[in-house]
Amino acid sequence: MKGKMKVAVMLGIGKMGFEERDIPNPKDDEVLVKLEYVGSCGSDLHYYETGAIGDYVVNPPFVLGHEPGGTVVEVGKNVKHLKVGDRVALEPGKTCGHCEFCKTGRYNLCPDVVFFATPPVDGVFQEYVAHEADLCFKLPDNVSTLEGALIEPLAVGFHAAIQGEAHLGQRAVVMGAGCIGLVSMMALKARGVSEVYVVDIMEKRLEKALELGATEVINGAKENVLERVKQLTDGAGVDLVIETAGTEITTRQAIHMAKKGSNIVLVGYSKSGEMTLPMSLALDKELTFKTVFRYRHIYPMAIDAVAAGKVNLKGIVTDIFGLDEAQKAMDYSVNNKADIVKAVIRITE
């Protein structure tokens, strides 16, 4: 397909603009996708606010966005499983396929992954993208492209639940009720966890957690979190904690509330990258710590869960902005974190 497309670009810290670029031509193993929705992730906001995440530094103009859903409009000659008109969710990371981790199925650990919106690789706040067909997953008729865009954060939640060995009959706590906390909570419920308690300090996020199926919520600004968990579990503690807030206090609380022999999954990144934790207590309890960076082999499972009605992905969306409103979307998300759970950019009507 020949022609031009509109691209929202980050021009500097706190500044968005637009460029016109050529519509990409798909390679033999790729498809061209007309994008309809792209989620705005916390990492996008961090790049927008600070210009960097660790060693990944934005060199403007840079395209944000790595949570896309859309419709196939062109297929490469080697692509057999997709056709024009198929609606798809796009897994945003292309791996090398040759390293130790790729060969053993742990491709999420590939050191040479090329990931949307991870400098210097552009993201997809734009009208079209050419992407490897094997990383484009066809959506069932009852799953929208809006939900398709949100399969990416849901995959993080399912990976966290799997890392924690979540299963029927357990009690779990999710620390943090942002987007990743909420999809982790829904993933736990989908895997049969009996009771899921969600902790946050923002009341609107806790209301959203209850709406989406949390058993109980705890406002850490108003309640003693550890005492409340004791009450809810009759003093036994919980079988699993998924920590998405990325703070030292919530991670310390996770260690205290976890039952002996249980699992703690660390998902949230701390601002400093370091924490002081009660490791003697963790040793005494023989706790198992797992971490999450990216996911693997999750998209089909996540799509099936949405199609089966086990996960309400539309429910996490609090704000939708048009592509022309990219600056407004980013500024509003940065300045209204207490009110926004998940913002989405609508690329096309």
Protein backbone atom coordinates (compact mmCIF):
# COMPACT_ATOMS: atom_id res chain seq x y z
CA MET A 1 0.00 0.00 0.00
CA LYS A 2 1.46 3.31 -1.05
CA GLY A 3 0.73 6.59 0.63
CA LYS A 4 1.36 8.64 3.73
CA MET A 5 0.27 8.23 7.34
CA LYS A 6 -0.01 10.48 10.35
CA VAL A 7 2.41 9.77 13.20
CA ALA A 8 2.30 11.33 16.68
CA VAL A 9 5.88 11.96 17.78
CA MET A 10 7.51 13.00 21.01
CA LEU A 11 9.52 16.12 20.20
CA GLY A 12 11.04 16.52 23.65
CA ILE A 13 10.17 16.16 27.31
CA GLY A 14 6.51 17.06 27.70
CA LYS A 15 6.04 17.93 24.04
CA MET A 16 4.17 16.06 21.31
CA GLY A 17 3.80 16.86 17.63
CA PHE A 18 2.97 15.17 14.32
CA GLU A 19 4.84 13.97 11.27
CA GLU A 20 3.75 12.56 7.94
CA ARG A 21 5.62 9.38 7.07
CA ASP A 22 5.42 6.75 4.34
CA ILE A 23 3.08 3.84 5.00
CA PRO A 24 5.48 0.90 5.52
CA ASN A 25 5.60 -2.00 3.07
CA PRO A 26 5.29 -5.41 4.74
CA LYS A 27 8.09 -7.90 4.17
CA ASP A 28 7.36 -11.46 3.03
CA ASP A 29 6.73 -12.68 6.60
CA GLU A 30 4.90 -9.56 7.76
CA VAL A 31 1.44 -8.05 7.60
CA LEU A 32 0.45 -4.42 7.31
CA VAL A 33 -2.00 -3.48 10.06
CA LYS A 34 -4.24 -0.44 10.06
CA LEU A 35 -4.20 0.48 13.73
CA GLU A 36 -7.42 1.33 15.53
CA TYR A 37 -6.44 1.57 19.20
CA VAL A 38 -3.14 1.88 21.05
CA GLY A 39 -2.96 1.81 24.84
CA SER A 40 -0.97 4.42 26.71
CA CYS A 41 1.36 2.64 29.12
CA GLY A 42 3.15 3.84 32.23
CA SER A 43 6.43 3.51 30.36
CA ASP A 44 5.15 5.92 27.69
CA LEU A 45 4.36 8.44 30.42
CA HIS A 46 7.77 7.97 32.01
CA TYR A 47 9.56 8.61 28.70
CA TYR A 48 7.30 11.63 28.14
CA GLU A 49 8.01 13.07 31.59
CA THR A 50 11.73 12.32 31.92
CA GLY A 51 13.09 11.35 28.52
CA ALA A 52 14.54 8.06 29.70
CA ILE A 53 14.02 4.81 31.57
CA GLY A 54 17.35 3.58 32.87
CA ASP A 55 19.71 3.18 29.94
CA TYR A 56 16.93 3.65 27.36
CA VAL A 57 17.13 7.32 26.38
CA VAL A 58 14.74 9.04 23.97
CA ASN A 59 16.32 10.76 20.99
CA PRO A 60 13.50 12.91 19.50
CA PRO A 61 11.52 12.69 17.35
CA PHE A 62 10.39 9.45 18.94
CA VAL A 63 7.15 7.47 18.63
CA LEU A 64 5.57 6.19 21.83
CA GLY A 65 3.01 3.37 22.23
CA HIS A 66 3.44 -0.42 22.32
CA GLU A 67 -0.09 -1.75 22.94
CA PRO A 68 -1.76 -1.93 19.50
CA GLY A 69 -4.86 -3.50 18.03
CA GLY A 70 -6.08 -3.16 14.46
CA THR A 71 -7.05 -4.76 11.15
CA VAL A 72 -4.85 -6.46 8.55
CA VAL A 73 -4.90 -4.58 5.24
CA GLU A 74 -2.03 -6.31 3.42
CA VAL A 75 -0.16 -9.61 3.84
CA GLY A 76 3.34 -10.68 2.84
CA LYS A 77 3.65 -13.51 0.33
CA ASN A 78 4.77 -16.08 2.94
CA VAL A 79 1.91 -15.39 5.35
CA LYS A 80 -0.71 -18.14 5.38
CA HIS A 81 -2.56 -17.86 8.72
CA LEU A 82 -3.81 -14.29 8.33
CA LYS A 83 -5.77 -12.52 5.59
CA VAL A 84 -6.90 -9.03 4.77
CA GLY A 85 -9.74 -8.05 7.09
CA ASP A 86 -8.58 -10.08 10.09
CA ARG A 87 -8.60 -8.10 13.31
CA VAL A 88 -5.48 -8.68 15.38
CA ALA A 89 -3.64 -7.98 18.62
CA LEU A 90 0.06 -7.32 18.10
CA GLU A 91 2.72 -8.68 20.43
CA PRO A 92 5.24 -5.82 20.40
CA GLY A 93 8.59 -7.57 20.83
CA LYS A 94 10.58 -9.23 18.03
CA THR A 95 13.26 -11.59 19.35
CA CYS A 96 16.38 -12.99 17.70
CA GLY A 97 15.25 -16.64 17.67
CA HIS A 98 18.82 -17.89 18.04
CA CYS A 99 20.01 -17.20 21.57
CA GLU A 100 19.89 -19.62 24.52
CA PHE A 101 16.67 -18.09 25.80
CA CYS A 102 14.82 -18.12 22.48
CA LYS A 103 15.87 -21.72 21.81
CA THR A 104 14.55 -22.85 25.20
CA GLY A 105 11.21 -21.07 24.78
CA ARG A 106 12.04 -18.21 27.17
CA TYR A 107 12.05 -15.62 24.45
CA ASN A 108 10.95 -12.88 26.86
CA LEU A 109 14.55 -12.93 28.16
CA CYS A 110 16.15 -12.50 24.72
CA PRO A 111 18.93 -9.88 25.06
CA ASP A 112 18.41 -8.69 21.48
CA VAL A 113 14.66 -8.10 21.53
CA VAL A 114 13.36 -5.27 19.36
CA PHE A 115 10.38 -3.84 21.24
CA PHE A 116 7.97 -1.10 20.21
CA ALA A 117 8.57 2.24 21.94
CA THR A 118 11.83 1.14 23.55
CA PRO A 119 14.56 3.53 22.34
CA PRO A 120 15.84 3.58 19.71
CA VAL A 121 12.89 1.54 18.33
CA ASP A 122 9.80 3.63 17.54
CA GLY A 123 6.40 2.75 18.89
CA VAL A 124 3.02 2.81 17.19
CA PHE A 125 1.12 6.04 17.91
CA GLN A 126 0.48 6.06 14.17
CA GLU A 127 -2.01 4.91 11.55
CA TYR A 128 -0.24 1.84 10.17
CA VAL A 129 2.48 -0.61 11.14
CA ALA A 130 4.18 -3.52 9.37
CA HIS A 131 4.78 -6.33 11.84
CA GLU A 132 5.91 -9.94 11.87
CA ALA A 133 2.83 -12.04 11.12
CA ASP A 134 3.68 -14.63 13.78
CA LEU A 135 3.38 -11.84 16.37
CA CYS A 136 -0.10 -10.84 15.18
CA PHE A 137 -2.89 -12.82 16.83
CA LYS A 138 -6.33 -13.05 15.24
CA LEU A 139 -9.16 -11.87 17.45
CA PRO A 140 -12.44 -13.81 17.77
CA ASP A 141 -15.58 -12.07 16.58
CA ASN A 142 -16.60 -11.16 20.14
CA VAL A 143 -13.28 -9.47 21.00
CA SER A 144 -12.89 -5.87 19.82
CA THR A 145 -9.71 -4.20 18.62
CA LEU A 146 -9.91 -2.01 21.73
CA GLU A 147 -9.62 -5.19 23.80
CA GLY A 148 -7.00 -6.42 21.34
CA ALA A 149 -4.83 -3.42 22.20
CA LEU A 150 -5.12 -4.27 25.90
CA ILE A 151 -4.03 -7.88 25.48
CA GLU A 152 -0.48 -6.57 25.97
CA PRO A 153 -0.90 -5.41 29.59
CA LEU A 154 -3.15 -8.42 30.28
CA ALA A 155 -0.28 -10.65 29.16
CA VAL A 156 1.86 -9.09 31.89
CA GLY A 157 -0.86 -9.92 34.43
CA PHE A 158 -1.15 -13.53 33.28
CA HIS A 159 2.62 -13.94 33.29
CA ALA A 160 2.69 -12.66 36.87
CA ALA A 161 -0.05 -15.10 37.87
CA ILE A 162 1.80 -17.99 36.21
CA GLN A 163 5.09 -17.00 37.82
CA GLY A 164 3.29 -17.10 41.16
CA GLU A 165 1.80 -20.55 40.42
CA ALA A 166 -1.70 -19.19 41.01
CA HIS A 167 -4.40 -21.83 41.28
CA LEU A 168 -7.84 -22.71 42.58
CA GLY A 169 -8.49 -22.27 46.28
CA GLN A 170 -5.81 -19.72 47.05
CA ARG A 171 -6.01 -16.32 48.70
CA ALA A 172 -3.90 -13.61 47.07
CA VAL A 173 -3.08 -9.93 47.48
CA VAL A 174 -2.30 -7.54 44.65
CA MET A 175 -0.33 -4.49 45.75
CA GLY A 176 -1.28 -1.57 43.51
CA ALA A 177 -4.52 -0.96 41.58
CA GLY A 178 -3.15 0.67 38.46
CA CYS A 179 -3.55 -0.99 35.08
CA ILE A 180 -1.06 -3.79 35.77
CA GLY A 181 -2.44 -4.39 39.24
CA LEU A 182 -5.98 -4.69 37.88
CA VAL A 183 -5.09 -7.03 35.02
CA SER A 184 -3.07 -9.13 37.50
CA MET A 185 -6.13 -9.31 39.74
CA MET A 186 -8.32 -10.40 36.82
CA ALA A 187 -5.72 -12.96 35.71
CA LEU A 188 -5.69 -14.44 39.22
CA LYS A 189 -9.48 -14.70 39.19
CA ALA A 190 -9.41 -16.27 35.74
CA ARG A 191 -6.98 -18.92 37.01
CA GLY A 192 -9.34 -19.82 39.84
CA VAL A 193 -7.85 -17.98 42.81
CA SER A 194 -10.71 -17.88 45.31
CA GLU A 195 -10.11 -14.55 47.03
CA VAL A 196 -8.11 -11.59 45.73
CA TYR A 197 -7.54 -8.53 47.91
CA VAL A 198 -6.28 -5.33 46.27
CA VAL A 199 -4.26 -2.63 48.06
CA ASP A 200 -3.81 0.96 46.91
CA ILE A 201 -3.97 4.51 48.30
CA MET A 202 -6.18 5.97 45.54
CA GLU A 203 -9.89 5.54 46.21
CA LYS A 204 -11.00 5.66 42.57
CA ARG A 205 -8.64 2.86 41.66
CA LEU A 206 -9.94 0.76 44.53
CA GLU A 207 -13.51 1.38 43.36
CA LYS A 208 -12.47 0.15 39.93
CA ALA A 209 -10.90 -2.96 41.49
CA LEU A 210 -14.18 -3.81 43.22
CA GLU A 211 -16.07 -3.21 39.99
CA LEU A 212 -13.78 -5.66 38.18
CA GLY A 213 -14.07 -8.45 40.74
CA ALA A 214 -11.76 -7.89 43.71
CA THR A 215 -12.96 -9.76 46.81
CA GLU A 216 -11.97 -6.89 49.10
CA VAL A 217 -9.98 -3.67 48.76
CA ILE A 218 -7.71 -1.99 51.31
CA ASN A 219 -6.86 1.69 51.28
CA GLY A 220 -3.31 1.84 52.59
CA ALA A 221 -3.66 5.55 53.34
CA LYS A 222 -6.57 4.93 55.72
CA GLU A 223 -6.11 1.39 57.06
CA ASN A 224 -3.36 -0.74 58.56
CA VAL A 225 -2.77 -3.03 55.59
CA LEU A 226 -1.17 -5.87 57.56
CA GLU A 227 -3.85 -5.88 60.24
CA ARG A 228 -6.59 -5.89 57.61
CA VAL A 229 -5.02 -8.85 55.79
CA LYS A 230 -4.79 -10.69 59.10
CA GLN A 231 -8.50 -10.08 59.65
CA LEU A 232 -9.42 -11.26 56.17
CA THR A 233 -7.36 -14.45 56.46
CA ASP A 234 -8.05 -15.24 60.13
CA GLY A 235 -4.38 -14.63 60.83
CA ALA A 236 -3.14 -17.17 58.29
CA GLY A 237 -1.71 -14.76 55.71
CA VAL A 238 -2.01 -15.18 51.95
CA ASP A 239 -0.75 -17.82 49.54
CA LEU A 240 0.48 -15.37 46.92
CA VAL A 241 1.34 -11.67 46.64
CA ILE A 242 1.75 -9.84 43.34
CA GLU A 243 3.53 -6.54 43.93
CA THR A 244 2.90 -4.00 41.16
CA ALA A 245 3.36 -0.70 43.00
CA GLY A 246 7.15 -0.82 42.98
CA THR A 247 7.63 0.79 46.41
CA GLU A 248 9.71 -0.36 49.34
CA ILE A 249 6.83 -0.12 51.79
CA THR A 250 4.49 -2.30 49.70
CA THR A 251 7.24 -4.86 49.11
CA ARG A 252 7.98 -5.01 52.82
CA GLN A 253 4.27 -5.46 53.48
CA ALA A 254 4.20 -8.29 50.94
CA ILE A 255 6.86 -10.18 52.92
CA HIS A 256 4.98 -9.68 56.18
CA MET A 257 1.57 -10.77 54.85
CA ALA A 258 2.79 -13.79 52.88
CA LYS A 259 2.15 -17.19 54.40
CA LYS A 260 5.16 -19.45 55.09
CA GLY A 261 6.28 -21.24 51.95
CA SER A 262 4.33 -18.93 49.65
CA ASN A 263 5.25 -16.96 46.52
CA ILE A 264 5.84 -13.25 46.00
CA VAL A 265 5.93 -11.93 42.43
CA LEU A 266 7.66 -8.59 41.91
CA VAL A 267 6.31 -6.69 38.90
CA GLY A 268 6.62 -2.99 39.79
CA TYR A 269 9.91 -1.15 39.30
CA SER A 270 11.11 1.07 42.12
CA LYS A 271 12.23 4.60 41.30
CA SER A 272 15.72 4.05 42.69
CA GLY A 273 16.06 0.42 41.60
CA GLU A 274 17.02 -0.58 45.16
CA MET A 275 15.17 -1.50 48.36
CA THR A 276 15.92 -2.44 51.95
CA LEU A 277 13.82 -5.48 52.83
CA PRO A 278 13.35 -7.76 55.90
CA MET A 279 15.23 -10.68 54.38
CA SER A 280 15.60 -12.54 57.68
CA LEU A 281 11.82 -12.81 57.82
CA ALA A 282 11.73 -13.92 54.18
CA LEU A 283 14.31 -16.62 54.96
CA ASP A 284 12.41 -17.77 58.05
CA LYS A 285 9.26 -18.11 55.96
CA GLU A 286 11.07 -19.85 53.07
CA LEU A 287 9.40 -17.48 50.64
CA THR A 288 9.93 -17.82 46.90
CA PHE A 289 10.49 -14.62 44.97
CA LYS A 290 9.70 -14.44 41.26
CA THR A 291 10.01 -11.42 38.99
CA VAL A 292 8.38 -10.23 35.79
CA PHE A 293 10.08 -8.37 32.96
CA ARG A 294 8.11 -9.41 29.89
CA TYR A 295 5.85 -12.35 29.06
CA ARG A 296 6.07 -15.42 26.86
CA HIS A 297 3.49 -17.62 25.09
CA ILE A 298 0.63 -15.68 26.71
CA TYR A 299 -1.31 -13.94 23.94
CA PRO A 300 -3.51 -16.91 22.85
CA MET A 301 -4.40 -17.66 26.48
CA ALA A 302 -5.17 -14.02 27.23
CA ILE A 303 -7.34 -13.64 24.12
CA ASP A 304 -9.25 -16.82 25.01
CA ALA A 305 -9.87 -15.50 28.54
CA VAL A 306 -11.36 -12.27 27.18
CA ALA A 307 -13.45 -14.14 24.59
CA ALA A 308 -14.80 -16.46 27.31
CA GLY A 309 -15.84 -13.51 29.46
CA LYS A 310 -13.37 -14.34 32.22
CA VAL A 311 -11.63 -10.96 31.94
CA ASN A 312 -13.35 -7.59 31.48
CA LEU A 313 -10.67 -5.66 29.62
CA LYS A 314 -12.96 -2.83 28.55
CA GLY A 315 -13.60 -2.20 32.22
CA ILE A 316 -10.08 -0.92 32.88
CA VAL A 317 -10.38 1.85 30.27
CA THR A 318 -11.19 5.18 31.87
CA ASP A 319 -10.26 7.59 29.05
CA ILE A 320 -10.12 7.47 25.24
CA PHE A 321 -8.42 10.18 23.17
CA GLY A 322 -8.11 10.66 19.42
CA LEU A 323 -4.73 10.55 17.70
CA ASP A 324 -5.04 14.31 17.12
CA GLU A 325 -5.26 14.67 20.91
CA ALA A 326 -1.91 13.00 21.62
CA GLN A 327 -0.55 16.00 23.54
CA LYS A 328 -3.76 16.28 25.57
CA ALA A 329 -3.75 12.53 26.25
CA MET A 330 -0.21 12.55 27.59
CA ASP A 331 -0.61 15.72 29.65
CA TYR A 332 -3.92 14.61 31.13
CA SER A 333 -2.47 11.19 32.01
CA VAL A 334 0.55 12.75 33.70
CA ASN A 335 -1.47 15.31 35.65
CA ASN A 336 -4.43 13.14 36.66
CA LYS A 337 -2.87 9.88 37.80
CA ALA A 338 -5.34 9.54 40.66
CA ASP A 339 -8.28 9.57 38.24
CA ILE A 340 -6.93 7.58 35.29
CA VAL A 341 -6.52 3.81 35.32
CA LYS A 342 -6.02 3.25 31.60
CA ALA A 343 -5.99 5.76 28.76
CA VAL A 344 -6.20 4.63 25.14
CA ILE A 345 -5.46 6.43 21.88
CA ARG A 346 -8.12 5.84 19.22
CA ILE A 347 -6.19 5.92 15.95
CA THR A 348 -9.14 5.54 13.56
CA GLU A 349 -12.88 5.74 14.01
